[in-house]
Amino acid sequence: MSRQTNPGVLVKRSVVLHGHATSVALEPTFWAALDGWAKADGESIAAAIARIDARRKSGSLASAIRVALFTRAIAERDEAARA
């Protein structure tokens, strides 16, 4: 299976947070979800990551992004179930 089609392969991207370049490695599924979230909120991926980073209390940035995406997906699912 090629890297591009393997959902378990980490894809590293560089972003600027608080004026400093950093890199984040996530699976393609999480990058796609983050891209969709950012577009839905009318912001860039970097802005979405900065928002997640600002709320992070501990752990890695990649983990914080995964947890934020999962938490949002659960909230959206629950909201849709109530509608």
PDB file of N, CA and C in Angstrom:
ATOM      1  N   MET A   1       0.844  -1.169   0.000  1.00  0.00           N
ATOM      2  CA  MET A   1       0.000   0.000   0.000  1.00  0.00           C
ATOM      3  C   MET A   1       0.894   1.237   0.000  1.00  0.00           C
ATOM      4  N   SER A   2       0.571   2.231  -0.798  1.00  0.00           N
ATOM      5  CA  SER A   2       1.424   3.420  -0.878  1.00  0.00           C
ATOM      6  C   SER A   2       1.184   4.331   0.317  1.00  0.00           C
ATOM      7  N   ARG A   3       2.109   5.219   0.556  1.00  0.00           N
ATOM      8  CA  ARG A   3       2.000   6.157   1.675  1.00  0.00           C
ATOM      9  C   ARG A   3       0.746   7.011   1.577  1.00  0.00           C
ATOM     10  N   GLN A   4       0.397   7.427   0.366  1.00  0.00           N
ATOM     11  CA  GLN A   4      -0.737   8.328   0.195  1.00  0.00           C
ATOM     12  C   GLN A   4      -2.062   7.646   0.489  1.00  0.00           C
ATOM     13  N   THR A   5      -2.148   6.353   0.306  1.00  0.00           N
ATOM     14  CA  THR A   5      -3.411   5.667   0.530  1.00  0.00           C
ATOM     15  C   THR A   5      -3.468   4.935   1.862  1.00  0.00           C
ATOM     16  N   ASN A   6      -2.391   4.913   2.605  1.00  0.00           N
ATOM     17  CA  ASN A   6      -2.355   4.243   3.893  1.00  0.00           C
ATOM     18  C   ASN A   6      -2.799   5.214   4.986  1.00  0.00           C
ATOM     19  N   PRO A   7      -4.001   5.006   5.545  1.00  0.00           N
ATOM     20  CA  PRO A   7      -4.512   5.958   6.527  1.00  0.00           C
ATOM     21  C   PRO A   7      -3.722   5.973   7.831  1.00  0.00           C
ATOM     22  N   GLY A   8      -2.883   4.978   8.084  1.00  0.00           N
ATOM     23  CA  GLY A   8      -2.114   4.934   9.318  1.00  0.00           C
ATOM     24  C   GLY A   8      -0.780   5.651   9.249  1.00  0.00           C
ATOM     25  N   VAL A   9      -0.383   6.095   8.066  1.00  0.00           N
ATOM     26  CA  VAL A   9       0.902   6.774   7.908  1.00  0.00           C
ATOM     27  C   VAL A   9       0.767   8.221   8.370  1.00  0.00           C
ATOM     28  N   LEU A  10       1.721   8.663   9.143  1.00  0.00           N
ATOM     29  CA  LEU A  10       1.712  10.041   9.611  1.00  0.00           C
ATOM     30  C   LEU A  10       2.184  10.978   8.506  1.00  0.00           C
ATOM     31  N   VAL A  11       1.499  12.100   8.381  1.00  0.00           N
ATOM     32  CA  VAL A  11       1.871  13.140   7.432  1.00  0.00           C
ATOM     33  C   VAL A  11       2.268  14.354   8.258  1.00  0.00           C
ATOM     34  N   LYS A  12       3.490  14.824   8.041  1.00  0.00           N
ATOM     35  CA  LYS A  12       4.006  15.952   8.808  1.00  0.00           C
ATOM     36  C   LYS A  12       3.798  17.240   8.022  1.00  0.00           C
ATOM     37  N   ARG A  13       3.258  18.253   8.711  1.00  0.00           N
ATOM     38  CA  ARG A  13       3.094  19.582   8.113  1.00  0.00           C
ATOM     39  C   ARG A  13       3.671  20.620   9.057  1.00  0.00           C
ATOM     40  N   SER A  14       4.169  21.694   8.482  1.00  0.00           N
ATOM     41  CA  SER A  14       4.695  22.806   9.272  1.00  0.00           C
ATOM     42  C   SER A  14       3.633  23.877   9.419  1.00  0.00           C
ATOM     43  N   VAL A  15       3.530  24.428  10.608  1.00  0.00           N
ATOM     44  CA  VAL A  15       2.622  25.547  10.883  1.00  0.00           C
ATOM     45  C   VAL A  15       3.358  26.552  11.752  1.00  0.00           C
ATOM     46  N   VAL A  16       2.901  27.785  11.702  1.00  0.00           N
ATOM     47  CA  VAL A  16       3.473  28.825  12.548  1.00  0.00           C
ATOM     48  C   VAL A  16       2.500  29.085  13.689  1.00  0.00           C
ATOM     49  N   LEU A  17       2.966  28.882  14.916  1.00  0.00           N
ATOM     50  CA  LEU A  17       2.173  29.134  16.112  1.00  0.00           C
ATOM     51  C   LEU A  17       2.899  30.138  16.985  1.00  0.00           C
ATOM     52  N   HIS A  18       2.219  31.199  17.313  1.00  0.00           N
ATOM     53  CA  HIS A  18       2.796  32.223  18.188  1.00  0.00           C
ATOM     54  C   HIS A  18       4.127  32.738  17.644  1.00  0.00           C
ATOM     55  N   GLY A  19       4.202  32.843  16.316  1.00  0.00           N
ATOM     56  CA  GLY A  19       5.390  33.378  15.677  1.00  0.00           C
ATOM     57  C   GLY A  19       6.527  32.393  15.497  1.00  0.00           C
ATOM     58  N   HIS A  20       6.309  31.147  15.863  1.00  0.00           N
ATOM     59  CA  HIS A  20       7.372  30.140  15.749  1.00  0.00           C
ATOM     60  C   HIS A  20       6.896  28.988  14.875  1.00  0.00           C
ATOM     61  N   ALA A  21       7.769  28.530  14.000  1.00  0.00           N
ATOM     62  CA  ALA A  21       7.439  27.386  13.154  1.00  0.00           C
ATOM     63  C   ALA A  21       7.520  26.112  13.979  1.00  0.00           C
ATOM     64  N   THR A  22       6.551  25.257  13.781  1.00  0.00           N
ATOM     65  CA  THR A  22       6.560  23.945  14.418  1.00  0.00           C
ATOM     66  C   THR A  22       5.984  22.946  13.426  1.00  0.00           C
ATOM     67  N   SER A  23       6.220  21.693  13.655  1.00  0.00           N
ATOM     68  CA  SER A  23       5.649  20.689  12.764  1.00  0.00           C
ATOM     69  C   SER A  23       4.721  19.787  13.560  1.00  0.00           C
ATOM     70  N   VAL A  24       3.695  19.322  12.870  1.00  0.00           N
ATOM     71  CA  VAL A  24       2.718  18.434  13.477  1.00  0.00           C
ATOM     72  C   VAL A  24       2.565  17.230  12.556  1.00  0.00           C
ATOM     73  N   ALA A  25       2.592  16.039  13.125  1.00  0.00           N
ATOM     74  CA  ALA A  25       2.413  14.817  12.362  1.00  0.00           C
ATOM     75  C   ALA A  25       1.076  14.191  12.751  1.00  0.00           C
ATOM     76  N   LEU A  26       0.203  14.050  11.754  1.00  0.00           N
ATOM     77  CA  LEU A  26      -1.111  13.436  11.949  1.00  0.00           C
ATOM     78  C   LEU A  26      -1.393  12.472  10.804  1.00  0.00           C
ATOM     79  N   GLU A  27      -2.304  11.562  11.031  1.00  0.00           N
ATOM     80  CA  GLU A  27      -2.766  10.673   9.977  1.00  0.00           C
ATOM     81  C   GLU A  27      -3.599  11.490   8.983  1.00  0.00           C
ATOM     82  N   PRO A  28      -3.633  11.059   7.712  1.00  0.00           N
ATOM     83  CA  PRO A  28      -4.384  11.803   6.692  1.00  0.00           C
ATOM     84  C   PRO A  28      -5.851  12.060   7.069  1.00  0.00           C
ATOM     85  N   THR A  29      -6.478  11.120   7.744  1.00  0.00           N
ATOM     86  CA  THR A  29      -7.876  11.287   8.155  1.00  0.00           C
ATOM     87  C   THR A  29      -8.025  12.488   9.084  1.00  0.00           C
ATOM     88  N   PHE A  30      -7.082  12.670   9.984  1.00  0.00           N
ATOM     89  CA  PHE A  30      -7.156  13.804  10.908  1.00  0.00           C
ATOM     90  C   PHE A  30      -6.864  15.117  10.191  1.00  0.00           C
ATOM     91  N   TRP A  31      -5.928  15.101   9.232  1.00  0.00           N
ATOM     92  CA  TRP A  31      -5.690  16.323   8.450  1.00  0.00           C
ATOM     93  C   TRP A  31      -6.952  16.712   7.679  1.00  0.00           C
ATOM     94  N   ALA A  32      -7.622  15.729   7.102  1.00  0.00           N
ATOM     95  CA  ALA A  32      -8.849  16.009   6.347  1.00  0.00           C
ATOM     96  C   ALA A  32      -9.938  16.565   7.261  1.00  0.00           C
ATOM     97  N   ALA A  33     -10.075  15.974   8.439  1.00  0.00           N
ATOM     98  CA  ALA A  33     -11.078  16.461   9.392  1.00  0.00           C
ATOM     99  C   ALA A  33     -10.740  17.871   9.859  1.00  0.00           C
ATOM    100  N   LEU A  34      -9.472  18.126  10.118  1.00  0.00           N
ATOM    101  CA  LEU A  34      -9.049  19.457  10.551  1.00  0.00           C
ATOM    102  C   LEU A  34      -9.288  20.485   9.455  1.00  0.00           C
ATOM    103  N   ASP A  35      -9.018  20.109   8.226  1.00  0.00           N
ATOM    104  CA  ASP A  35      -9.270  21.000   7.091  1.00  0.00           C
ATOM    105  C   ASP A  35     -10.767  21.326   6.993  1.00  0.00           C
ATOM    106  N   GLY A  36     -11.612  20.307   7.133  1.00  0.00           N
ATOM    107  CA  GLY A  36     -13.054  20.530   7.086  1.00  0.00           C
ATOM    108  C   GLY A  36     -13.543  21.411   8.219  1.00  0.00           C
ATOM    109  N   TRP A  37     -13.010  21.197   9.405  1.00  0.00           N
ATOM    110  CA  TRP A  37     -13.361  21.998  10.576  1.00  0.00           C
ATOM    111  C   TRP A  37     -12.976  23.458  10.341  1.00  0.00           C
ATOM    112  N   ALA A  38     -11.748  23.671   9.892  1.00  0.00           N
ATOM    113  CA  ALA A  38     -11.270  25.036   9.653  1.00  0.00           C
ATOM    114  C   ALA A  38     -12.139  25.740   8.610  1.00  0.00           C
ATOM    115  N   LYS A  39     -12.434  25.052   7.511  1.00  0.00           N
ATOM    116  CA  LYS A  39     -13.274  25.650   6.475  1.00  0.00           C
ATOM    117  C   LYS A  39     -14.663  25.972   7.005  1.00  0.00           C
ATOM    118  N   ALA A  40     -15.246  25.057   7.780  1.00  0.00           N
ATOM    119  CA  ALA A  40     -16.580  25.276   8.346  1.00  0.00           C
ATOM    120  C   ALA A  40     -16.597  26.485   9.281  1.00  0.00           C
ATOM    121  N   ASP A  41     -15.472  26.720   9.955  1.00  0.00           N
ATOM    122  CA  ASP A  41     -15.368  27.842  10.889  1.00  0.00           C
ATOM    123  C   ASP A  41     -14.815  29.103  10.224  1.00  0.00           C
ATOM    124  N   GLY A  42     -14.537  29.026   8.920  1.00  0.00           N
ATOM    125  CA  GLY A  42     -14.027  30.184   8.191  1.00  0.00           C
ATOM    126  C   GLY A  42     -12.638  30.613   8.604  1.00  0.00           C
ATOM    127  N   GLU A  43     -11.789  29.630   8.892  1.00  0.00           N
ATOM    128  CA  GLU A  43     -10.424  29.961   9.305  1.00  0.00           C
ATOM    129  C   GLU A  43      -9.430  29.027   8.630  1.00  0.00           C
ATOM    130  N   SER A  44      -8.174  29.363   8.750  1.00  0.00           N
ATOM    131  CA  SER A  44      -7.120  28.525   8.192  1.00  0.00           C
ATOM    132  C   SER A  44      -6.848  27.352   9.133  1.00  0.00           C
ATOM    133  N   ILE A  45      -6.165  26.352   8.602  1.00  0.00           N
ATOM    134  CA  ILE A  45      -5.757  25.232   9.452  1.00  0.00           C
ATOM    135  C   ILE A  45      -4.851  25.735  10.573  1.00  0.00           C
ATOM    136  N   ALA A  46      -3.959  26.664  10.257  1.00  0.00           N
ATOM    137  CA  ALA A  46      -3.059  27.202  11.285  1.00  0.00           C
ATOM    138  C   ALA A  46      -3.849  27.881  12.401  1.00  0.00           C
ATOM    139  N   ALA A  47      -4.906  28.609  12.053  1.00  0.00           N
ATOM    140  CA  ALA A  47      -5.732  29.271  13.074  1.00  0.00           C
ATOM    141  C   ALA A  47      -6.463  28.237  13.928  1.00  0.00           C
ATOM    142  N   ALA A  48      -6.956  27.176  13.298  1.00  0.00           N
ATOM    143  CA  ALA A  48      -7.630  26.120  14.049  1.00  0.00           C
ATOM    144  C   ALA A  48      -6.647  25.446  15.009  1.00  0.00           C
ATOM    145  N   ILE A  49      -5.443  25.187  14.536  1.00  0.00           N
ATOM    146  CA  ILE A  49      -4.428  24.567  15.389  1.00  0.00           C
ATOM    147  C   ILE A  49      -4.057  25.512  16.534  1.00  0.00           C
ATOM    148  N   ALA A  50      -3.931  26.794  16.254  1.00  0.00           N
ATOM    149  CA  ALA A  50      -3.603  27.762  17.304  1.00  0.00           C
ATOM    150  C   ALA A  50      -4.692  27.788  18.377  1.00  0.00           C
ATOM    151  N   ARG A  51      -5.954  27.689  17.945  1.00  0.00           N
ATOM    152  CA  ARG A  51      -7.074  27.673  18.895  1.00  0.00           C
ATOM    153  C   ARG A  51      -7.011  26.425  19.774  1.00  0.00           C
ATOM    154  N   ILE A  52      -6.716  25.288  19.171  1.00  0.00           N
ATOM    155  CA  ILE A  52      -6.577  24.043  19.931  1.00  0.00           C
ATOM    156  C   ILE A  52      -5.391  24.143  20.883  1.00  0.00           C
ATOM    157  N   ASP A  53      -4.278  24.672  20.395  1.00  0.00           N
ATOM    158  CA  ASP A  53      -3.071  24.801  21.210  1.00  0.00           C
ATOM    159  C   ASP A  53      -3.315  25.702  22.414  1.00  0.00           C
ATOM    160  N   ALA A  54      -4.101  26.751  22.237  1.00  0.00           N
ATOM    161  CA  ALA A  54      -4.369  27.684  23.335  1.00  0.00           C
ATOM    162  C   ALA A  54      -5.142  27.011  24.474  1.00  0.00           C
ATOM    163  N   ARG A  55      -5.927  25.990  24.146  1.00  0.00           N
ATOM    164  CA  ARG A  55      -6.710  25.280  25.170  1.00  0.00           C
ATOM    165  C   ARG A  55      -5.981  24.069  25.737  1.00  0.00           C
ATOM    166  N   ARG A  56      -4.852  23.729  25.150  1.00  0.00           N
ATOM    167  CA  ARG A  56      -4.109  22.531  25.570  1.00  0.00           C
ATOM    168  C   ARG A  56      -3.479  22.768  26.937  1.00  0.00           C
ATOM    169  N   LYS A  57      -3.712  21.830  27.836  1.00  0.00           N
ATOM    170  CA  LYS A  57      -3.124  21.937  29.176  1.00  0.00           C
ATOM    171  C   LYS A  57      -1.857  21.093  29.298  1.00  0.00           C
ATOM    172  N   SER A  58      -1.821  19.980  28.583  1.00  0.00           N
ATOM    173  CA  SER A  58      -0.636  19.121  28.619  1.00  0.00           C
ATOM    174  C   SER A  58      -0.671  18.195  27.407  1.00  0.00           C
ATOM    175  N   GLY A  59       0.363  17.416  27.269  1.00  0.00           N
ATOM    176  CA  GLY A  59       0.438  16.466  26.166  1.00  0.00           C
ATOM    177  C   GLY A  59       0.934  17.117  24.894  1.00  0.00           C
ATOM    178  N   SER A  60       1.039  16.299  23.872  1.00  0.00           N
ATOM    179  CA  SER A  60       1.564  16.785  22.599  1.00  0.00           C
ATOM    180  C   SER A  60       0.493  17.532  21.823  1.00  0.00           C
ATOM    181  N   LEU A  61       0.924  18.387  20.936  1.00  0.00           N
ATOM    182  CA  LEU A  61      -0.001  19.136  20.092  1.00  0.00           C
ATOM    183  C   LEU A  61      -0.785  18.186  19.197  1.00  0.00           C
ATOM    184  N   ALA A  62      -0.134  17.182  18.640  1.00  0.00           N
ATOM    185  CA  ALA A  62      -0.828  16.224  17.786  1.00  0.00           C
ATOM    186  C   ALA A  62      -1.947  15.518  18.555  1.00  0.00           C
ATOM    187  N   SER A  63      -1.671  15.117  19.783  1.00  0.00           N
ATOM    188  CA  SER A  63      -2.700  14.482  20.602  1.00  0.00           C
ATOM    189  C   SER A  63      -3.838  15.441  20.894  1.00  0.00           C
ATOM    190  N   ALA A  64      -3.511  16.688  21.190  1.00  0.00           N
ATOM    191  CA  ALA A  64      -4.542  17.692  21.468  1.00  0.00           C
ATOM    192  C   ALA A  64      -5.439  17.901  20.248  1.00  0.00           C
ATOM    193  N   ILE A  65      -4.856  17.876  19.061  1.00  0.00           N
ATOM    194  CA  ILE A  65      -5.644  18.029  17.832  1.00  0.00           C
ATOM    195  C   ILE A  65      -6.572  16.833  17.661  1.00  0.00           C
ATOM    196  N   ARG A  66      -6.055  15.636  17.851  1.00  0.00           N
ATOM    197  CA  ARG A  66      -6.887  14.439  17.707  1.00  0.00           C
ATOM    198  C   ARG A  66      -8.052  14.461  18.696  1.00  0.00           C
ATOM    199  N   VAL A  67      -7.767  14.812  19.946  1.00  0.00           N
ATOM    200  CA  VAL A  67      -8.812  14.859  20.972  1.00  0.00           C
ATOM    201  C   VAL A  67      -9.841  15.933  20.637  1.00  0.00           C
ATOM    202  N   ALA A  68      -9.396  17.097  20.192  1.00  0.00           N
ATOM    203  CA  ALA A  68     -10.327  18.175  19.834  1.00  0.00           C
ATOM    204  C   ALA A  68     -11.233  17.750  18.686  1.00  0.00           C
ATOM    205  N   LEU A  69     -10.674  17.105  17.685  1.00  0.00           N
ATOM    206  CA  LEU A  69     -11.472  16.642  16.544  1.00  0.00           C
ATOM    207  C   LEU A  69     -12.475  15.583  16.980  1.00  0.00           C
ATOM    208  N   PHE A  70     -12.044  14.659  17.815  1.00  0.00           N
ATOM    209  CA  PHE A  70     -12.932  13.610  18.299  1.00  0.00           C
ATOM    210  C   PHE A  70     -14.047  14.211  19.149  1.00  0.00           C
ATOM    211  N   THR A  71     -13.690  15.126  20.036  1.00  0.00           N
ATOM    212  CA  THR A  71     -14.678  15.773  20.901  1.00  0.00           C
ATOM    213  C   THR A  71     -15.708  16.525  20.071  1.00  0.00           C
ATOM    214  N   ARG A  72     -15.246  17.222  19.046  1.00  0.00           N
ATOM    215  CA  ARG A  72     -16.183  17.959  18.184  1.00  0.00           C
ATOM    216  C   ARG A  72     -17.086  16.996  17.417  1.00  0.00           C
ATOM    217  N   ALA A  73     -16.530  15.908  16.922  1.00  0.00           N
ATOM    218  CA  ALA A  73     -17.342  14.930  16.188  1.00  0.00           C
ATOM    219  C   ALA A  73     -18.426  14.344  17.086  1.00  0.00           C
ATOM    220  N   ILE A  74     -18.092  14.033  18.323  1.00  0.00           N
ATOM    221  CA  ILE A  74     -19.076  13.491  19.267  1.00  0.00           C
ATOM    222  C   ILE A  74     -20.153  14.542  19.554  1.00  0.00           C
ATOM    223  N   ALA A  75     -19.751  15.791  19.767  1.00  0.00           N
ATOM    224  CA  ALA A  75     -20.708  16.856  20.037  1.00  0.00           C
ATOM    225  C   ALA A  75     -21.655  17.062  18.859  1.00  0.00           C
ATOM    226  N   GLU A  76     -21.111  17.038  17.642  1.00  0.00           N
ATOM    227  CA  GLU A  76     -21.942  17.198  16.457  1.00  0.00           C
ATOM    228  C   GLU A  76     -22.889  16.017  16.274  1.00  0.00           C
ATOM    229  N   ARG A  77     -22.402  14.812  16.574  1.00  0.00           N
ATOM    230  CA  ARG A  77     -23.266  13.639  16.494  1.00  0.00           C
ATOM    231  C   ARG A  77     -24.413  13.730  17.499  1.00  0.00           C
ATOM    232  N   ASP A  78     -24.089  14.126  18.724  1.00  0.00           N
ATOM    233  CA  ASP A  78     -25.115  14.255  19.756  1.00  0.00           C
ATOM    234  C   ASP A  78     -26.124  15.343  19.415  1.00  0.00           C
ATOM    235  N   GLU A  79     -25.640  16.434  18.859  1.00  0.00           N
ATOM    236  CA  GLU A  79     -26.533  17.528  18.459  1.00  0.00           C
ATOM    237  C   GLU A  79     -27.482  17.065  17.349  1.00  0.00           C
ATOM    238  N   ALA A  80     -26.948  16.326  16.407  1.00  0.00           N
ATOM    239  CA  ALA A  80     -27.781  15.831  15.300  1.00  0.00           C
ATOM    240  C   ALA A  80     -28.827  14.837  15.825  1.00  0.00           C
ATOM    241  N   ALA A  81     -28.469  14.053  16.827  1.00  0.00           N
ATOM    242  CA  ALA A  81     -29.400  13.075  17.389  1.00  0.00           C
ATOM    243  C   ALA A  81     -30.546  13.778  18.130  1.00  0.00           C
ATOM    244  N   ARG A  82     -30.260  14.940  18.710  1.00  0.00           N
ATOM    245  CA  ARG A  82     -31.293  15.700  19.433  1.00  0.00           C
ATOM    246  C   ARG A  82     -32.219  16.424  18.482  1.00  0.00           C
ATOM    247  N   ALA A  83     -31.767  16.676  17.256  1.00  0.00           N
ATOM    248  CA  ALA A  83     -32.580  17.451  16.295  1.00  0.00           C
ATOM    249  C   ALA A  83     -33.729  16.659  15.723  1.00  0.00           C
TER     250      ALA A  83
END
